[in-house]
């Protein structure tokens, strides 16, 4: 008996089964990975699968952009980062992508994205979140960002968080 070549085995994969496992993994990990020494093994046991299949499923979802990454999400408040400033920037549209990449690469920027302006009241089109120990540190980071952006930046401001309304990511229903 000749075993199937790998490409033939892949062609025989059941996309319905793959989709069902992906959904089950997303539901099982919405609140985070199991806090066990071997979280993929724990998930596999819960879902009636094996750890290699769980890893392969996560890898496939990441490769096609369904999930961005698997990693720790520390509670920045518990770590003393209590000053949260959403910096907003009015950037020349021709330089927006480059400026966004530069800000997003900074270690102290946790989120960076483009949003449309709402003229005349809101000229800002680039947003970058900075977490710091106090507002003075946010302002120092903002000055560093402003210098990095140079003449591409026409105006900027910072919006400080005053309270947390929601602290979870996307949740899908069972």
Protein backbone atom coordinates (compact mmCIF):
# COMPACT_ATOMS: atom_id res chain seq x y z
CA UNK A 1 0.00 0.00 0.00
CA UNK A 2 1.39 3.41 -0.97
CA UNK A 3 0.77 6.28 1.43
CA UNK A 4 -0.71 9.44 -0.06
CA UNK A 5 1.74 12.23 -0.81
CA UNK A 6 1.38 15.20 1.60
CA UNK A 7 -0.35 17.39 -0.98
CA UNK A 8 -3.00 14.69 -1.58
CA UNK A 9 -3.59 14.31 2.15
CA UNK A 10 -4.04 18.11 2.45
CA UNK A 11 -6.51 18.05 -0.43
CA UNK A 12 -8.57 15.47 1.47
CA UNK A 13 -8.74 17.63 4.63
CA UNK A 14 -12.28 18.39 5.74
CA UNK A 15 -12.71 22.19 5.77
CA UNK A 16 -15.87 21.81 7.88
CA UNK A 17 -13.92 19.96 10.57
CA UNK A 18 -11.16 22.60 10.42
CA UNK A 19 -13.72 25.40 10.80
CA UNK A 20 -15.38 23.60 13.71
CA UNK A 21 -12.03 23.19 15.50
CA UNK A 22 -11.13 26.84 14.86
CA UNK A 23 -14.44 28.00 16.34
CA UNK A 24 -14.04 25.68 19.33
CA UNK A 25 -10.50 27.00 19.94
CA UNK A 26 -11.65 30.62 19.71
CA UNK A 27 -14.50 29.97 22.14
CA UNK A 28 -12.19 28.11 24.53
CA UNK A 29 -9.54 30.87 24.53
CA UNK A 30 -11.58 34.09 24.40
CA UNK A 31 -10.72 34.80 28.02
CA UNK A 32 -7.13 33.63 27.54
CA UNK A 33 -5.13 30.44 27.30
CA UNK A 34 -5.53 27.96 30.15
CA UNK A 35 -3.13 28.83 32.96
CA UNK A 36 -1.43 25.47 32.94
CA UNK A 37 2.15 24.40 32.24
CA UNK A 38 1.04 23.02 28.84
CA UNK A 39 -1.91 25.10 27.61
CA UNK A 40 -2.10 23.52 24.12
CA UNK A 41 -2.28 20.07 25.66
CA UNK A 42 -5.00 21.27 28.05
CA UNK A 43 -7.00 22.71 25.15
CA UNK A 44 -6.55 19.54 23.13
CA UNK A 45 -7.86 17.46 26.02
CA UNK A 46 -10.88 19.76 26.46
CA UNK A 47 -11.69 19.60 22.76
CA UNK A 48 -11.00 15.92 22.14
CA UNK A 49 -8.01 16.63 19.92
CA UNK A 50 -4.24 16.50 20.23
CA UNK A 51 -1.71 19.24 20.96
CA UNK A 52 -0.10 19.10 17.50
CA UNK A 53 -3.48 19.65 15.83
CA UNK A 54 -4.23 22.56 18.18
CA UNK A 55 -0.85 24.16 17.40
CA UNK A 56 -1.34 23.62 13.65
CA UNK A 57 -4.81 25.17 13.81
CA UNK A 58 -3.53 28.28 15.62
CA UNK A 59 -0.64 28.53 13.13
CA UNK A 60 -3.04 28.32 10.17
CA UNK A 61 -5.35 30.97 11.66
CA UNK A 62 -2.37 33.26 12.23
CA UNK A 63 -0.98 32.68 8.73
CA UNK A 64 -4.21 33.80 7.09
CA UNK A 65 -4.72 36.73 9.48
CA UNK A 66 -7.68 35.39 11.46
CA UNK A 67 -5.65 35.94 14.63
CA UNK A 68 -2.67 38.25 14.96
CA UNK A 69 -0.66 36.62 17.67
CA UNK A 70 -0.68 34.48 20.78
CA UNK A 71 0.91 36.20 23.74
CA UNK A 72 0.58 37.53 27.22
CA UNK A 73 -1.58 40.59 27.86
CA UNK A 74 -0.37 42.09 31.12
CA UNK A 75 -2.66 44.30 33.17
CA UNK A 76 -0.82 47.61 32.76
CA UNK A 77 -2.71 49.17 35.68
CA UNK A 78 -1.47 46.43 38.02
CA UNK A 79 2.06 47.10 36.74
CA UNK A 80 1.79 50.80 37.63
CA UNK A 81 1.08 52.18 34.14
CA UNK A 82 -1.88 54.32 35.14
CA UNK A 83 -1.52 57.25 32.72
CA UNK A 84 -3.04 56.25 29.41
CA UNK A 85 -2.82 58.76 26.60
CA UNK A 86 -4.23 58.35 23.12
CA UNK A 87 -1.98 60.58 21.08
CA UNK A 88 -3.63 61.95 17.96
CA UNK A 89 -1.77 63.35 14.97
CA UNK A 90 -2.65 65.40 11.91
CA UNK A 91 -0.34 63.81 9.36
CA UNK A 92 0.07 64.68 5.71
CA UNK A 93 -1.86 61.94 3.88
CA UNK A 94 1.07 61.23 1.55
CA UNK A 95 3.23 60.36 4.58
CA UNK A 96 0.60 58.63 6.73
CA UNK A 97 1.68 55.02 6.13
CA UNK A 98 5.36 55.75 6.81
CA UNK A 99 4.56 57.79 9.92
CA UNK A 100 2.24 55.08 11.21
CA UNK A 101 4.94 52.47 10.81
CA UNK A 102 7.45 54.65 12.65
CA UNK A 103 5.11 55.26 15.59
CA UNK A 104 3.92 51.66 15.67
CA UNK A 105 7.51 50.44 15.94
CA UNK A 106 8.09 52.37 19.19
CA UNK A 107 8.19 50.04 22.17
CA UNK A 108 5.98 52.28 24.28
CA UNK A 109 3.15 52.44 21.68
CA UNK A 110 0.62 49.67 22.24
CA UNK A 111 -1.85 50.54 19.45
CA UNK A 112 -1.36 52.60 16.30
CA UNK A 113 -3.91 53.07 13.56
CA UNK A 114 -5.36 55.37 10.91
CA UNK A 115 -8.79 56.92 11.34
CA UNK A 116 -10.57 59.32 9.01
CA UNK A 117 -10.62 63.02 9.82
CA UNK A 118 -13.90 64.79 10.62
CA UNK A 119 -13.21 68.29 9.38
CA UNK A 120 -13.35 71.00 10.42
CA UNK A 121 -13.62 69.93 14.07
CA UNK A 122 -11.29 66.90 14.05
CA UNK A 123 -8.16 67.13 11.86
CA UNK A 124 -6.39 64.06 13.28
CA UNK A 125 -5.86 60.95 11.18
CA UNK A 126 -3.21 58.93 13.06
CA UNK A 127 -3.76 57.55 16.57
CA UNK A 128 -1.20 55.94 18.89
CA UNK A 129 -1.82 54.75 22.47
CA UNK A 130 0.85 55.35 25.10
CA UNK A 131 0.75 53.82 28.60
CA UNK A 132 2.96 55.43 31.25
CA UNK A 133 3.41 55.81 35.01
CA UNK A 134 2.19 59.41 34.97
CA UNK A 135 1.14 62.17 32.59
CA UNK A 136 4.61 63.71 32.57
CA UNK A 137 5.95 60.48 31.10
CA UNK A 138 3.17 60.46 28.46
CA UNK A 139 4.11 64.04 27.53
CA UNK A 140 7.80 63.10 27.25
CA UNK A 141 6.88 60.19 24.96
CA UNK A 142 4.63 62.50 22.93
CA UNK A 143 7.53 64.93 22.44
CA UNK A 144 9.71 62.02 21.29
CA UNK A 145 7.00 60.97 18.83
CA UNK A 146 6.58 64.54 17.55
CA UNK A 147 10.33 64.76 16.87
CA UNK A 148 10.22 61.42 15.05
CA UNK A 149 7.37 62.61 12.81
CA UNK A 150 9.04 65.93 11.98
CA UNK A 151 7.43 68.12 9.34
CA UNK A 152 4.88 65.43 8.39
CA UNK A 153 3.03 66.34 11.59
CA UNK A 154 0.89 69.46 11.34
CA UNK A 155 -0.81 69.22 14.75
CA UNK A 156 -1.20 66.82 17.65
CA UNK A 157 -3.00 66.36 20.95
CA UNK A 158 -3.34 63.74 23.65
CA UNK A 159 -6.57 62.36 25.10
CA UNK A 160 -6.23 60.85 28.57
CA UNK A 161 -8.32 57.94 29.82
CA UNK A 162 -10.48 58.82 32.79
CA UNK A 163 -12.13 55.43 33.37
CA UNK A 164 -12.34 51.93 31.93
CA UNK A 165 -15.63 51.05 30.30
CA UNK A 166 -14.63 47.68 28.82
CA UNK A 167 -11.48 45.61 29.14
CA UNK A 168 -11.98 42.64 26.81
CA UNK A 169 -11.41 41.83 23.19
CA UNK A 170 -13.94 40.51 20.71
CA UNK A 171 -16.20 37.79 22.07
CA UNK A 172 -18.21 35.46 19.89
CA UNK A 173 -21.22 33.53 21.09
CA UNK A 174 -21.40 29.78 21.38
